[in-house]
PDB file of N, CA and C in Angstrom:
ATOM      1  N   MET A   1       0.443  -1.002   0.026  1.00  0.00           N
ATOM      2  CA  MET A   1       0.051  -0.067   0.011  1.00  0.00           C
ATOM      3  C   MET A   1       1.097   1.057   0.122  1.00  0.00           C
ATOM      4  N   THR A   2       0.711   2.025  -0.813  1.00  0.00           N
ATOM      5  CA  THR A   2       1.193   3.364  -0.651  1.00  0.00           C
ATOM      6  C   THR A   2       0.887   4.220   0.425  1.00  0.00           C
ATOM      7  N   GLY A   3       1.746   5.152   0.827  1.00  0.00           N
ATOM      8  CA  GLY A   3       1.205   6.526   2.262  1.00  0.00           C
ATOM      9  C   GLY A   3       0.154   7.017   2.072  1.00  0.00           C
ATOM     10  N   GLU A   4      -0.482   6.967   0.617  1.00  0.00           N
ATOM     11  CA  GLU A   4      -1.337   7.827   0.283  1.00  0.00           C
ATOM     12  C   GLU A   4      -2.821   6.961   0.841  1.00  0.00           C
ATOM     13  N   SER A   5      -3.070   6.007   0.165  1.00  0.00           N
ATOM     14  CA  SER A   5      -4.345   4.877   0.522  1.00  0.00           C
ATOM     15  C   SER A   5      -4.114   4.739   2.430  1.00  0.00           C
ATOM     16  N   ARG A   6      -2.647   4.402   2.580  1.00  0.00           N
ATOM     17  CA  ARG A   6      -3.030   4.073   4.384  1.00  0.00           C
ATOM     18  C   ARG A   6      -3.447   5.466   5.005  1.00  0.00           C
ATOM     19  N   SER A   7      -2.981   6.387   4.880  1.00  0.00           N
ATOM     20  CA  SER A   7      -3.708   7.817   5.413  1.00  0.00           C
ATOM     21  C   SER A   7      -5.054   7.975   5.189  1.00  0.00           C
ATOM     22  N   ARG A   8      -5.646   7.673   3.696  1.00  0.00           N
ATOM     23  CA  ARG A   8      -7.175   7.936   3.387  1.00  0.00           C
ATOM     24  C   ARG A   8      -8.131   6.932   4.676  1.00  0.00           C
ATOM     25  N   CYS A   9      -7.453   5.429   4.930  1.00  0.00           N
ATOM     26  CA  CYS A   9      -7.928   4.760   5.756  1.00  0.00           C
ATOM     27  C   CYS A   9      -8.032   4.601   7.283  1.00  0.00           C
ATOM     28  N   ALA A  10      -6.860   5.384   7.177  1.00  0.00           N
ATOM     29  CA  ALA A  10      -6.561   5.380   8.763  1.00  0.00           C
ATOM     30  C   ALA A  10      -7.955   6.206   9.495  1.00  0.00           C
ATOM     31  N   GLY A  11      -8.229   7.049   9.089  1.00  0.00           N
ATOM     32  CA  GLY A  11      -9.216   8.099   9.879  1.00  0.00           C
ATOM     33  C   GLY A  11     -10.723   6.997  10.116  1.00  0.00           C
ATOM     34  N   ASP A  12     -10.865   6.044   9.330  1.00  0.00           N
ATOM     35  CA  ASP A  12     -12.031   5.049   9.366  1.00  0.00           C
ATOM     36  C   ASP A  12     -11.908   3.974  10.114  1.00  0.00           C
ATOM     37  N   GLN A  13     -10.481   3.796  10.628  1.00  0.00           N
ATOM     38  CA  GLN A  13     -10.626   2.512  11.743  1.00  0.00           C
ATOM     39  C   GLN A  13     -11.732   2.772  12.940  1.00  0.00           C
ATOM     40  N   GLY A  14     -12.221   1.487  13.421  1.00  0.00           N
ATOM     41  CA  GLY A  14     -13.440   1.500  14.595  1.00  0.00           C
ATOM     42  C   GLY A  14     -14.815   2.216  14.316  1.00  0.00           C
ATOM     43  N   PHE A  15     -14.901   3.157  13.084  1.00  0.00           N
ATOM     44  CA  PHE A  15     -15.961   3.850  12.939  1.00  0.00           C
ATOM     45  C   PHE A  15     -17.298   2.261  12.721  1.00  0.00           C
ATOM     46  N   ALA A  16     -17.178   1.381  12.572  1.00  0.00           N
ATOM     47  CA  ALA A  16     -18.295   0.355  12.373  1.00  0.00           C
ATOM     48  C   ALA A  16     -18.388  -0.068  13.509  1.00  0.00           C
ATOM     49  N   THR A  17     -17.535  -0.402  14.529  1.00  0.00           N
ATOM     50  CA  THR A  17     -17.481  -0.733  15.927  1.00  0.00           C
ATOM     51  C   THR A  17     -18.448   0.277  16.870  1.00  0.00           C
ATOM     52  N   VAL A  18     -18.439   1.348  16.419  1.00  0.00           N
ATOM     53  CA  VAL A  18     -18.992   2.635  17.195  1.00  0.00           C
ATOM     54  C   VAL A  18     -20.705   2.799  16.625  1.00  0.00           C
ATOM     55  N   TRP A  19     -20.567   2.096  15.720  1.00  0.00           N
ATOM     56  CA  TRP A  19     -22.415   2.322  14.725  1.00  0.00           C
ATOM     57  C   TRP A  19     -23.012   0.882  15.547  1.00  0.00           C
ATOM     58  N   GLY A  20     -21.847  -0.343  15.467  1.00  0.00           N
ATOM     59  CA  GLY A  20     -22.917  -1.428  15.979  1.00  0.00           C
ATOM     60  C   GLY A  20     -22.939  -1.065  17.347  1.00  0.00           C
ATOM     61  N   VAL A  21     -22.115  -0.656  17.995  1.00  0.00           N
ATOM     62  CA  VAL A  21     -22.755  -0.287  19.592  1.00  0.00           C
ATOM     63  C   VAL A  21     -23.684   0.316  19.673  1.00  0.00           C
ATOM     64  N   MET A  22     -23.910   1.551  18.925  1.00  0.00           N
ATOM     65  CA  MET A  22     -25.185   2.192  18.894  1.00  0.00           C
ATOM     66  C   MET A  22     -26.345   1.664  18.645  1.00  0.00           C
ATOM     67  N   VAL A  23     -26.324   1.037  17.790  1.00  0.00           N
ATOM     68  CA  VAL A  23     -27.126   0.272  17.246  1.00  0.00           C
ATOM     69  C   VAL A  23     -27.727  -0.884  18.086  1.00  0.00           C
ATOM     70  N   THR A  24     -26.828  -1.185  18.468  1.00  0.00           N
ATOM     71  CA  THR A  24     -27.274  -2.713  19.657  1.00  0.00           C
ATOM     72  C   THR A  24     -27.536  -1.840  21.074  1.00  0.00           C
ATOM     73  N   THR A  25     -27.341  -0.752  21.435  1.00  0.00           N
ATOM     74  CA  THR A  25     -27.727  -0.152  22.437  1.00  0.00           C
ATOM     75  C   THR A  25     -29.253   0.499  22.449  1.00  0.00           C
ATOM     76  N   ALA A  26     -29.758   0.737  21.172  1.00  0.00           N
ATOM     77  CA  ALA A  26     -30.942   1.244  20.693  1.00  0.00           C
ATOM     78  C   ALA A  26     -31.798  -0.164  20.708  1.00  0.00           C
ATOM     79  N   LEU A  27     -31.576  -0.822  19.820  1.00  0.00           N
ATOM     80  CA  LEU A  27     -32.219  -2.093  20.026  1.00  0.00           C
ATOM     81  C   LEU A  27     -32.516  -2.732  21.352  1.00  0.00           C
ATOM     82  N   GLY A  28     -31.400  -2.783  22.495  1.00  0.00           N
ATOM     83  CA  GLY A  28     -31.553  -3.114  23.496  1.00  0.00           C
ATOM     84  C   GLY A  28     -32.716  -2.403  24.463  1.00  0.00           C
ATOM     85  N   ALA A  29     -32.694  -1.032  24.038  1.00  0.00           N
ATOM     86  CA  ALA A  29     -33.565  -0.083  24.826  1.00  0.00           C
ATOM     87  C   ALA A  29     -34.838  -0.103  24.160  1.00  0.00           C
ATOM     88  N   VAL A  30     -35.274  -0.393  22.956  1.00  0.00           N
ATOM     89  CA  VAL A  30     -36.476  -0.456  22.502  1.00  0.00           C
ATOM     90  C   VAL A  30     -37.196  -1.776  22.986  1.00  0.00           C
ATOM     91  N   PHE A  31     -36.403  -2.596  22.952  1.00  0.00           N
ATOM     92  CA  PHE A  31     -36.552  -4.386  23.298  1.00  0.00           C
ATOM     93  C   PHE A  31     -37.199  -4.153  24.682  1.00  0.00           C
ATOM     94  N   ALA A  32     -36.342  -3.221  25.674  1.00  0.00           N
ATOM     95  CA  ALA A  32     -37.082  -3.107  27.180  1.00  0.00           C
ATOM     96  C   ALA A  32     -37.955  -2.383  27.417  1.00  0.00           C
ATOM     97  N   VAL A  33     -38.372  -1.530  26.585  1.00  0.00           N
ATOM     98  CA  VAL A  33     -39.413  -0.508  26.408  1.00  0.00           C
ATOM     99  C   VAL A  33     -40.439  -1.662  26.137  1.00  0.00           C
ATOM    100  N   VAL A  34     -40.699  -2.078  25.210  1.00  0.00           N
ATOM    101  CA  VAL A  34     -42.164  -3.376  24.855  1.00  0.00           C
ATOM    102  C   VAL A  34     -42.048  -4.280  25.753  1.00  0.00           C
ATOM    103  N   LEU A  35     -40.930  -4.894  26.540  1.00  0.00           N
ATOM    104  CA  LEU A  35     -41.141  -6.076  27.325  1.00  0.00           C
ATOM    105  C   LEU A  35     -41.874  -5.094  28.351  1.00  0.00           C
ATOM    106  N   THR A  36     -41.586  -3.837  29.138  1.00  0.00           N
ATOM    107  CA  THR A  36     -42.001  -3.329  30.052  1.00  0.00           C
ATOM    108  C   THR A  36     -43.552  -2.772  29.846  1.00  0.00           C
ATOM    109  N   MET A  37     -43.860  -2.834  28.543  1.00  0.00           N
ATOM    110  CA  MET A  37     -45.354  -2.096  28.257  1.00  0.00           C
ATOM    111  C   MET A  37     -46.190  -3.788  28.067  1.00  0.00           C
ATOM    112  N   GLY A  38     -45.387  -4.439  27.720  1.00  0.00           N
ATOM    113  CA  GLY A  38     -46.177  -5.782  27.950  1.00  0.00           C
ATOM    114  C   GLY A  38     -46.731  -6.436  29.507  1.00  0.00           C
ATOM    115  N   GLN A  39     -45.308  -6.256  30.105  1.00  0.00           N
ATOM    116  CA  GLN A  39     -46.029  -6.474  31.598  1.00  0.00           C
ATOM    117  C   GLN A  39     -47.010  -5.541  32.089  1.00  0.00           C
ATOM    118  N   VAL A  40     -47.370  -4.439  31.878  1.00  0.00           N
ATOM    119  CA  VAL A  40     -48.243  -3.259  32.329  1.00  0.00           C
ATOM    120  C   VAL A  40     -49.504  -4.041  31.975  1.00  0.00           C
ATOM    121  N   VAL A  41     -49.524  -4.165  30.526  1.00  0.00           N
ATOM    122  CA  VAL A  41     -50.800  -4.992  29.881  1.00  0.00           C
ATOM    123  C   VAL A  41     -51.391  -6.158  30.701  1.00  0.00           C
ATOM    124  N   VAL A  42     -50.360  -7.203  30.842  1.00  0.00           N
ATOM    125  CA  VAL A  42     -50.712  -8.039  31.744  1.00  0.00           C
ATOM    126  C   VAL A  42     -51.121  -8.076  32.876  1.00  0.00           C
ATOM    127  N   THR A  43     -50.460  -7.056  33.519  1.00  0.00           N
ATOM    128  CA  THR A  43     -50.794  -6.880  35.260  1.00  0.00           C
ATOM    129  C   THR A  43     -52.142  -6.092  35.248  1.00  0.00           C
ATOM    130  N   ARG A  44     -52.573  -5.383  33.890  1.00  0.00           N
ATOM    131  CA  ARG A  44     -53.987  -4.877  34.055  1.00  0.00           C
ATOM    132  C   ARG A  44     -54.974  -5.661  34.112  1.00  0.00           C
ATOM    133  N   HIS A  45     -54.728  -6.667  33.259  1.00  0.00           N
ATOM    134  CA  HIS A  45     -55.723  -7.568  32.846  1.00  0.00           C
ATOM    135  C   HIS A  45     -55.771  -8.524  33.664  1.00  0.00           C
ATOM    136  N   ARG A  46     -54.310  -9.075  34.540  1.00  0.00           N
ATOM    137  CA  ARG A  46     -54.552  -9.502  35.751  1.00  0.00           C
ATOM    138  C   ARG A  46     -55.634  -8.990  36.925  1.00  0.00           C
ATOM    139  N   ALA A  47     -55.170  -7.898  36.834  1.00  0.00           N
ATOM    140  CA  ALA A  47     -56.179  -6.796  37.567  1.00  0.00           C
ATOM    141  C   ALA A  47     -57.675  -6.661  37.637  1.00  0.00           C
ATOM    142  N   GLY A  48     -58.107  -6.807  36.426  1.00  0.00           N
ATOM    143  CA  GLY A  48     -59.192  -6.953  35.900  1.00  0.00           C
ATOM    144  C   GLY A  48     -59.851  -8.192  36.114  1.00  0.00           C
ATOM    145  N   GLY A  49     -59.431  -9.482  36.037  1.00  0.00           N
ATOM    146  CA  GLY A  49     -59.974 -10.542  36.175  1.00  0.00           C
ATOM    147  C   GLY A  49     -60.052 -11.101  37.579  1.00  0.00           C
ATOM    148  N   ALA A  50     -59.109 -10.417  38.247  1.00  0.00           N
ATOM    149  CA  ALA A  50     -59.376 -10.544  40.014  1.00  0.00           C
ATOM    150  C   ALA A  50     -60.389  -9.577  40.251  1.00  0.00           C
ATOM    151  N   ALA A  51     -60.997  -8.476  39.933  1.00  0.00           N
ATOM    152  CA  ALA A  51     -61.847  -7.532  40.109  1.00  0.00           C
ATOM    153  C   ALA A  51     -63.114  -8.177  39.944  1.00  0.00           C
ATOM    154  N   ASP A  52     -63.291  -9.162  38.599  1.00  0.00           N
ATOM    155  CA  ASP A  52     -64.319  -9.777  38.341  1.00  0.00           C
ATOM    156  C   ASP A  52     -64.517 -10.735  39.047  1.00  0.00           C
ATOM    157  N   LEU A  53     -63.371 -11.595  39.770  1.00  0.00           N
ATOM    158  CA  LEU A  53     -64.003 -12.817  40.278  1.00  0.00           C
ATOM    159  C   LEU A  53     -64.314 -12.411  41.951  1.00  0.00           C
ATOM    160  N   ALA A  54     -63.458 -11.492  42.429  1.00  0.00           N
ATOM    161  CA  ALA A  54     -63.895 -11.082  43.580  1.00  0.00           C
ATOM    162  C   ALA A  54     -65.287 -10.586  43.524  1.00  0.00           C
ATOM    163  N   ALA A  55     -65.825  -9.495  42.921  1.00  0.00           N
ATOM    164  CA  ALA A  55     -67.132  -9.086  42.695  1.00  0.00           C
ATOM    165  C   ALA A  55     -67.961 -10.576  42.790  1.00  0.00           C
ATOM    166  N   LEU A  56     -67.977 -11.353  41.886  1.00  0.00           N
ATOM    167  CA  LEU A  56     -68.708 -12.519  41.775  1.00  0.00           C
ATOM    168  C   LEU A  56     -68.950 -13.073  43.263  1.00  0.00           C
ATOM    169  N   ALA A  57     -67.675 -13.545  43.813  1.00  0.00           N
ATOM    170  CA  ALA A  57     -67.793 -13.939  45.284  1.00  0.00           C
ATOM    171  C   ALA A  57     -68.455 -13.252  46.171  1.00  0.00           C
ATOM    172  N   ALA A  58     -68.355 -11.917  46.004  1.00  0.00           N
ATOM    173  CA  ALA A  58     -68.964 -11.027  47.079  1.00  0.00           C
ATOM    174  C   ALA A  58     -70.439 -11.269  46.904  1.00  0.00           C
ATOM    175  N   ALA A  59     -70.653 -11.176  45.430  1.00  0.00           N
ATOM    176  CA  ALA A  59     -72.081 -11.045  45.166  1.00  0.00           C
ATOM    177  C   ALA A  59     -73.037 -12.544  45.585  1.00  0.00           C
ATOM    178  N   ASP A  60     -72.222 -13.291  45.422  1.00  0.00           N
ATOM    179  CA  ASP A  60     -72.710 -14.959  45.766  1.00  0.00           C
ATOM    180  C   ASP A  60     -73.160 -15.050  47.356  1.00  0.00           C
ATOM    181  N   ARG A  61     -72.304 -13.997  48.046  1.00  0.00           N
ATOM    182  CA  ARG A  61     -72.246 -13.931  49.366  1.00  0.00           C
ATOM    183  C   ARG A  61     -73.174 -12.723  50.198  1.00  0.00           C
ATOM    184  N   ALA A  62     -73.979 -11.925  49.181  1.00  0.00           N
ATOM    185  CA  ALA A  62     -74.120 -10.687  49.591  1.00  0.00           C
ATOM    186  C   ALA A  62     -75.368 -10.762  50.585  1.00  0.00           C
ATOM    187  N   LEU A  63     -76.359 -11.726  50.319  1.00  0.00           N
ATOM    188  CA  LEU A  63     -77.393 -12.007  51.353  1.00  0.00           C
ATOM    189  C   LEU A  63     -77.093 -12.244  52.368  1.00  0.00           C
ATOM    190  N   ARG A  64     -75.505 -12.711  52.812  1.00  0.00           N
ATOM    191  CA  ARG A  64     -75.415 -12.769  54.319  1.00  0.00           C
ATOM    192  C   ARG A  64     -74.369 -11.842  55.023  1.00  0.00           C
ATOM    193  N   GLY A  65     -74.634 -10.551  54.354  1.00  0.00           N
ATOM    194  CA  GLY A  65     -74.331  -9.469  54.776  1.00  0.00           C
ATOM    195  C   GLY A  65     -72.758  -8.955  54.048  1.00  0.00           C
ATOM    196  N   GLN A  66     -72.510  -7.548  54.373  1.00  0.00           N
ATOM    197  CA  GLN A  66     -70.845  -7.281  53.772  1.00  0.00           C
ATOM    198  C   GLN A  66     -69.917  -7.617  54.321  1.00  0.00           C
ATOM    199  N   VAL A  67     -69.922  -7.971  55.811  1.00  0.00           N
ATOM    200  CA  VAL A  67     -68.756  -8.448  56.078  1.00  0.00           C
ATOM    201  C   VAL A  67     -68.545  -9.857  55.589  1.00  0.00           C
ATOM    202  N   ASP A  68     -69.268 -10.709  55.422  1.00  0.00           N
ATOM    203  CA  ASP A  68     -69.224 -12.038  55.169  1.00  0.00           C
ATOM    204  C   ASP A  68     -68.593 -11.900  53.288  1.00  0.00           C
ATOM    205  N   ALA A  69     -69.274 -10.878  52.837  1.00  0.00           N
ATOM    206  CA  ALA A  69     -69.471 -10.676  51.214  1.00  0.00           C
ATOM    207  C   ALA A  69     -68.093 -10.041  50.928  1.00  0.00           C
ATOM    208  N   CYS A  70     -67.637  -9.046  51.672  1.00  0.00           N
ATOM    209  CA  CYS A  70     -66.216  -8.993  51.292  1.00  0.00           C
ATOM    210  C   CYS A  70     -65.119  -9.753  51.845  1.00  0.00           C
ATOM    211  N   ALA A  71     -65.439 -10.382  52.735  1.00  0.00           N
ATOM    212  CA  ALA A  71     -64.197 -11.410  53.259  1.00  0.00           C
ATOM    213  C   ALA A  71     -64.031 -12.379  51.712  1.00  0.00           C
ATOM    214  N   ALA A  72     -65.135 -12.843  51.454  1.00  0.00           N
ATOM    215  CA  ALA A  72     -64.842 -13.865  50.516  1.00  0.00           C
ATOM    216  C   ALA A  72     -64.211 -13.070  49.243  1.00  0.00           C
ATOM    217  N   ALA A  73     -64.634 -11.635  48.973  1.00  0.00           N
ATOM    218  CA  ALA A  73     -63.972 -11.074  47.884  1.00  0.00           C
ATOM    219  C   ALA A  73     -62.629 -10.743  47.881  1.00  0.00           C
ATOM    220  N   GLY A  74     -61.913 -10.676  49.245  1.00  0.00           N
ATOM    221  CA  GLY A  74     -60.795 -10.571  49.843  1.00  0.00           C
ATOM    222  C   GLY A  74     -60.083 -11.892  49.650  1.00  0.00           C
ATOM    223  N   ARG A  75     -60.774 -13.375  49.868  1.00  0.00           N
ATOM    224  CA  ARG A  75     -59.994 -14.408  49.629  1.00  0.00           C
ATOM    225  C   ARG A  75     -59.861 -14.868  48.353  1.00  0.00           C
ATOM    226  N   VAL A  76     -60.584 -14.303  47.454  1.00  0.00           N
ATOM    227  CA  VAL A  76     -60.392 -14.926  46.250  1.00  0.00           C
ATOM    228  C   VAL A  76     -59.472 -13.672  45.608  1.00  0.00           C
ATOM    229  N   ALA A  77     -59.374 -12.478  45.916  1.00  0.00           N
ATOM    230  CA  ALA A  77     -58.489 -11.535  45.283  1.00  0.00           C
ATOM    231  C   ALA A  77     -57.235 -11.883  45.819  1.00  0.00           C
ATOM    232  N   SER A  78     -56.851 -12.317  46.764  1.00  0.00           N
ATOM    233  CA  SER A  78     -55.502 -12.722  47.527  1.00  0.00           C
ATOM    234  C   SER A  78     -55.324 -14.332  46.423  1.00  0.00           C
ATOM    235  N   ALA A  79     -56.133 -14.899  46.201  1.00  0.00           N
ATOM    236  CA  ALA A  79     -55.688 -16.144  45.621  1.00  0.00           C
ATOM    237  C   ALA A  79     -54.899 -15.780  43.979  1.00  0.00           C
ATOM    238  N   GLN A  80     -55.903 -14.422  43.646  1.00  0.00           N
ATOM    239  CA  GLN A  80     -55.203 -14.056  42.324  1.00  0.00           C
ATOM    240  C   GLN A  80     -53.832 -13.137  42.435  1.00  0.00           C
ATOM    241  N   GLY A  81     -53.283 -12.972  43.405  1.00  0.00           N
ATOM    242  CA  GLY A  81     -52.395 -12.442  43.726  1.00  0.00           C
ATOM    243  C   GLY A  81     -52.693 -10.744  43.772  1.00  0.00           C
ATOM    244  N   ALA A  82     -54.029 -10.286  44.296  1.00  0.00           N
ATOM    245  CA  ALA A  82     -54.566  -9.163  44.182  1.00  0.00           C
ATOM    246  C   ALA A  82     -54.947  -8.723  45.542  1.00  0.00           C
ATOM    247  N   LEU A  83     -55.077  -7.365  45.680  1.00  0.00           N
ATOM    248  CA  LEU A  83     -55.842  -6.651  47.177  1.00  0.00           C
ATOM    249  C   LEU A  83     -57.205  -6.222  46.797  1.00  0.00           C
ATOM    250  N   VAL A  84     -57.855  -6.595  47.716  1.00  0.00           N
ATOM    251  CA  VAL A  84     -59.184  -5.572  47.668  1.00  0.00           C
ATOM    252  C   VAL A  84     -58.978  -4.270  48.330  1.00  0.00           C
ATOM    253  N   VAL A  85     -59.073  -3.435  47.641  1.00  0.00           N
ATOM    254  CA  VAL A  85     -59.152  -1.940  48.014  1.00  0.00           C
ATOM    255  C   VAL A  85     -60.288  -1.402  48.887  1.00  0.00           C
ATOM    256  N   ARG A  86     -61.418  -1.780  47.983  1.00  0.00           N
ATOM    257  CA  ARG A  86     -62.674  -1.357  48.517  1.00  0.00           C
ATOM    258  C   ARG A  86     -63.691  -2.327  47.883  1.00  0.00           C
ATOM    259  N   CYS A  87     -65.035  -2.269  49.096  1.00  0.00           N
ATOM    260  CA  CYS A  87     -65.607  -3.447  48.730  1.00  0.00           C
ATOM    261  C   CYS A  87     -66.984  -2.996  49.486  1.00  0.00           C
ATOM    262  N   ALA A  88     -67.986  -2.866  48.482  1.00  0.00           N
ATOM    263  CA  ALA A  88     -69.122  -2.215  49.033  1.00  0.00           C
ATOM    264  C   ALA A  88     -70.666  -3.386  48.560  1.00  0.00           C
ATOM    265  N   VAL A  89     -71.435  -3.615  49.373  1.00  0.00           N
ATOM    266  CA  VAL A  89     -72.554  -4.229  49.180  1.00  0.00           C
ATOM    267  C   VAL A  89     -73.700  -3.249  49.304  1.00  0.00           C
ATOM    268  N   ASP A  90     -74.738  -3.377  48.329  1.00  0.00           N
ATOM    269  CA  ASP A  90     -75.808  -2.994  48.512  1.00  0.00           C
ATOM    270  C   ASP A  90     -77.376  -3.856  47.901  1.00  0.00           C
ATOM    271  N   GLY A  91     -77.379  -4.239  48.787  1.00  0.00           N
ATOM    272  CA  GLY A  91     -78.805  -5.268  48.397  1.00  0.00           C
ATOM    273  C   GLY A  91     -78.073  -6.591  47.984  1.00  0.00           C
ATOM    274  N   GLU A  92     -78.121  -7.108  46.805  1.00  0.00           N
ATOM    275  CA  GLU A  92     -77.967  -7.869  46.104  1.00  0.00           C
ATOM    276  C   GLU A  92     -76.464  -7.856  45.382  1.00  0.00           C
ATOM    277  N   ILE A  93     -76.132  -6.472  45.255  1.00  0.00           N
ATOM    278  CA  ILE A  93     -75.031  -6.155  44.255  1.00  0.00           C
ATOM    279  C   ILE A  93     -73.770  -5.819  45.023  1.00  0.00           C
ATOM    280  N   ALA A  94     -72.928  -6.425  44.501  1.00  0.00           N
ATOM    281  CA  ALA A  94     -71.462  -6.197  44.968  1.00  0.00           C
ATOM    282  C   ALA A  94     -70.772  -5.045  44.247  1.00  0.00           C
ATOM    283  N   ASP A  95     -69.979  -4.239  44.651  1.00  0.00           N
ATOM    284  CA  ASP A  95     -68.771  -3.438  43.986  1.00  0.00           C
ATOM    285  C   ASP A  95     -67.769  -3.112  44.709  1.00  0.00           C
ATOM    286  N   VAL A  96     -66.771  -3.983  43.941  1.00  0.00           N
ATOM    287  CA  VAL A  96     -65.644  -4.095  44.455  1.00  0.00           C
ATOM    288  C   VAL A  96     -64.611  -3.594  43.543  1.00  0.00           C
ATOM    289  N   THR A  97     -63.447  -3.034  44.418  1.00  0.00           N
ATOM    290  CA  THR A  97     -62.380  -2.063  43.614  1.00  0.00           C
ATOM    291  C   THR A  97     -61.128  -3.140  44.216  1.00  0.00           C
ATOM    292  N   VAL A  98     -60.150  -3.643  43.397  1.00  0.00           N
ATOM    293  CA  VAL A  98     -59.071  -4.469  43.303  1.00  0.00           C
ATOM    294  C   VAL A  98     -57.770  -3.829  42.896  1.00  0.00           C
ATOM    295  N   GLY A  99     -56.795  -4.115  43.564  1.00  0.00           N
ATOM    296  CA  GLY A  99     -55.367  -3.729  43.006  1.00  0.00           C
ATOM    297  C   GLY A  99     -54.582  -4.542  43.010  1.00  0.00           C
ATOM    298  N   VAL A 100     -53.661  -4.591  41.878  1.00  0.00           N
ATOM    299  CA  VAL A 100     -52.685  -5.409  41.761  1.00  0.00           C
ATOM    300  C   VAL A 100     -51.019  -4.720  41.349  1.00  0.00           C
ATOM    301  N   GLY A 101     -49.957  -4.722  42.131  1.00  0.00           N
ATOM    302  CA  GLY A 101     -49.087  -4.260  42.035  1.00  0.00           C
ATOM    303  C   GLY A 101     -48.235  -4.671  41.069  1.00  0.00           C
ATOM    304  N   PHE A 102     -47.360  -3.797  40.330  1.00  0.00           N
ATOM    305  CA  PHE A 102     -46.165  -4.484  39.514  1.00  0.00           C
ATOM    306  C   PHE A 102     -45.280  -2.996  39.365  1.00  0.00           C
ATOM    307  N   GLY A 103     -44.062  -3.436  40.132  1.00  0.00           N
ATOM    308  CA  GLY A 103     -43.396  -2.178  40.265  1.00  0.00           C
ATOM    309  C   GLY A 103     -43.942  -0.626  40.851  1.00  0.00           C
ATOM    310  N   PRO A 104     -43.649   0.275  40.001  1.00  0.00           N
ATOM    311  CA  PRO A 104     -44.428   1.249  40.486  1.00  0.00           C
ATOM    312  C   PRO A 104     -45.589   1.546  39.638  1.00  0.00           C
ATOM    313  N   TYR A 105     -45.686   0.696  39.114  1.00  0.00           N
ATOM    314  CA  TYR A 105     -47.397   0.550  38.736  1.00  0.00           C
ATOM    315  C   TYR A 105     -48.108  -0.347  39.157  1.00  0.00           C
ATOM    316  N   ALA A 106     -49.322   0.190  39.784  1.00  0.00           N
ATOM    317  CA  ALA A 106     -50.291  -0.418  40.587  1.00  0.00           C
ATOM    318  C   ALA A 106     -51.690   0.029  40.214  1.00  0.00           C
ATOM    319  N   PRO A 107     -52.264  -0.623  39.433  1.00  0.00           N
ATOM    320  CA  PRO A 107     -53.447  -0.691  38.612  1.00  0.00           C
ATOM    321  C   PRO A 107     -54.854  -1.417  39.377  1.00  0.00           C
ATOM    322  N   GLU A 108     -56.044  -0.330  39.538  1.00  0.00           N
ATOM    323  CA  GLU A 108     -56.997  -0.504  40.530  1.00  0.00           C
ATOM    324  C   GLU A 108     -58.053  -0.504  39.463  1.00  0.00           C
ATOM    325  N   VAL A 109     -59.070  -1.710  39.729  1.00  0.00           N
ATOM    326  CA  VAL A 109     -59.876  -2.049  38.668  1.00  0.00           C
ATOM    327  C   VAL A 109     -61.418  -2.336  39.587  1.00  0.00           C
ATOM    328  N   ARG A 110     -62.175  -1.722  39.036  1.00  0.00           N
ATOM    329  CA  ARG A 110     -63.591  -1.839  39.768  1.00  0.00           C
ATOM    330  C   ARG A 110     -64.393  -2.893  38.872  1.00  0.00           C
ATOM    331  N   ALA A 111     -65.283  -3.468  39.741  1.00  0.00           N
ATOM    332  CA  ALA A 111     -65.950  -4.456  39.208  1.00  0.00           C
ATOM    333  C   ALA A 111     -66.975  -4.752  39.903  1.00  0.00           C
ATOM    334  N   ARG A 112     -68.573  -4.857  39.435  1.00  0.00           N
ATOM    335  CA  ARG A 112     -69.783  -4.660  39.844  1.00  0.00           C
ATOM    336  C   ARG A 112     -70.611  -6.055  39.380  1.00  0.00           C
ATOM    337  N   ALA A 113     -71.360  -6.905  40.568  1.00  0.00           N
ATOM    338  CA  ALA A 113     -71.784  -7.849  40.178  1.00  0.00           C
ATOM    339  C   ALA A 113     -73.227  -7.995  41.094  1.00  0.00           C
ATOM    340  N   GLY A 114     -73.766  -8.907  40.313  1.00  0.00           N
ATOM    341  CA  GLY A 114     -75.113  -9.113  40.934  1.00  0.00           C
ATOM    342  C   GLY A 114     -76.426  -9.396  39.977  1.00  0.00           C
ATOM    343  N   PRO A 115     -77.459  -9.777  40.886  1.00  0.00           N
ATOM    344  CA  PRO A 115     -78.624 -10.328  39.736  1.00  0.00           C
ATOM    345  C   PRO A 115     -78.930  -9.171  38.647  1.00  0.00           C
ATOM    346  N   PRO A 116     -79.489  -9.353  37.414  1.00  0.00           N
ATOM    347  CA  PRO A 116     -79.724  -8.693  36.235  1.00  0.00           C
ATOM    348  C   PRO A 116     -80.982  -7.659  36.887  1.00  0.00           C
ATOM    349  N   SER A 117     -80.979  -6.408  36.255  1.00  0.00           N
ATOM    350  CA  SER A 117     -82.111  -5.557  36.860  1.00  0.00           C
ATOM    351  C   SER A 117     -83.404  -6.064  36.152  1.00  0.00           C
ATOM    352  N   ALA A 118     -84.674  -5.868  36.641  1.00  0.00           N
ATOM    353  CA  ALA A 118     -85.976  -6.727  35.777  1.00  0.00           C
ATOM    354  C   ALA A 118     -85.950  -5.457  34.456  1.00  0.00           C
ATOM    355  N   VAL A 119     -86.452  -6.535  33.349  1.00  0.00           N
ATOM    356  CA  VAL A 119     -86.650  -5.617  32.555  1.00  0.00           C
ATOM    357  C   VAL A 119     -88.110  -4.684  32.196  1.00  0.00           C
ATOM    358  N   PRO A 120     -88.280  -3.397  31.851  1.00  0.00           N
ATOM    359  CA  PRO A 120     -89.570  -2.772  32.076  1.00  0.00           C
ATOM    360  C   PRO A 120     -90.198  -3.422  30.730  1.00  0.00           C
TER     361      PRO A 120
END
C-alpha cells in the first residue's frame, strides 16, 4: 500500500464498531420498553380478572351481609395475587375495587356483580 491509501483508511478505523455499539444499545432499549409495556398490559388484565372474580364472590355472599361478602372477595382476590382496595354491598349488588402491583405501576380495577335488573 502506498502512503496515500494508508492515510485515507486510517481515519475510518473503528467507525463500524461505534455504529454497531450504538445500534445494539438502541435495539436493547427498544426491546426493554416493549417488554415493560407488555408486563403493564398483563398486570392490568390480571387486575381486571381478579376484580371480576372478587365481585362475583361478594355477590354470591351478598345476602349474608357485607362483612361476609367482602371477606369472600378478599379471599378470592388474594388467591389471584391481588388486594381488595374497596368493597361495598348494596342489596344483592357487590361493588369491588381490586389493586395489583407491578413495580411502580399499581392498577386498580372496579367490578360490579349481582342479579340482572328487571326488564321494564
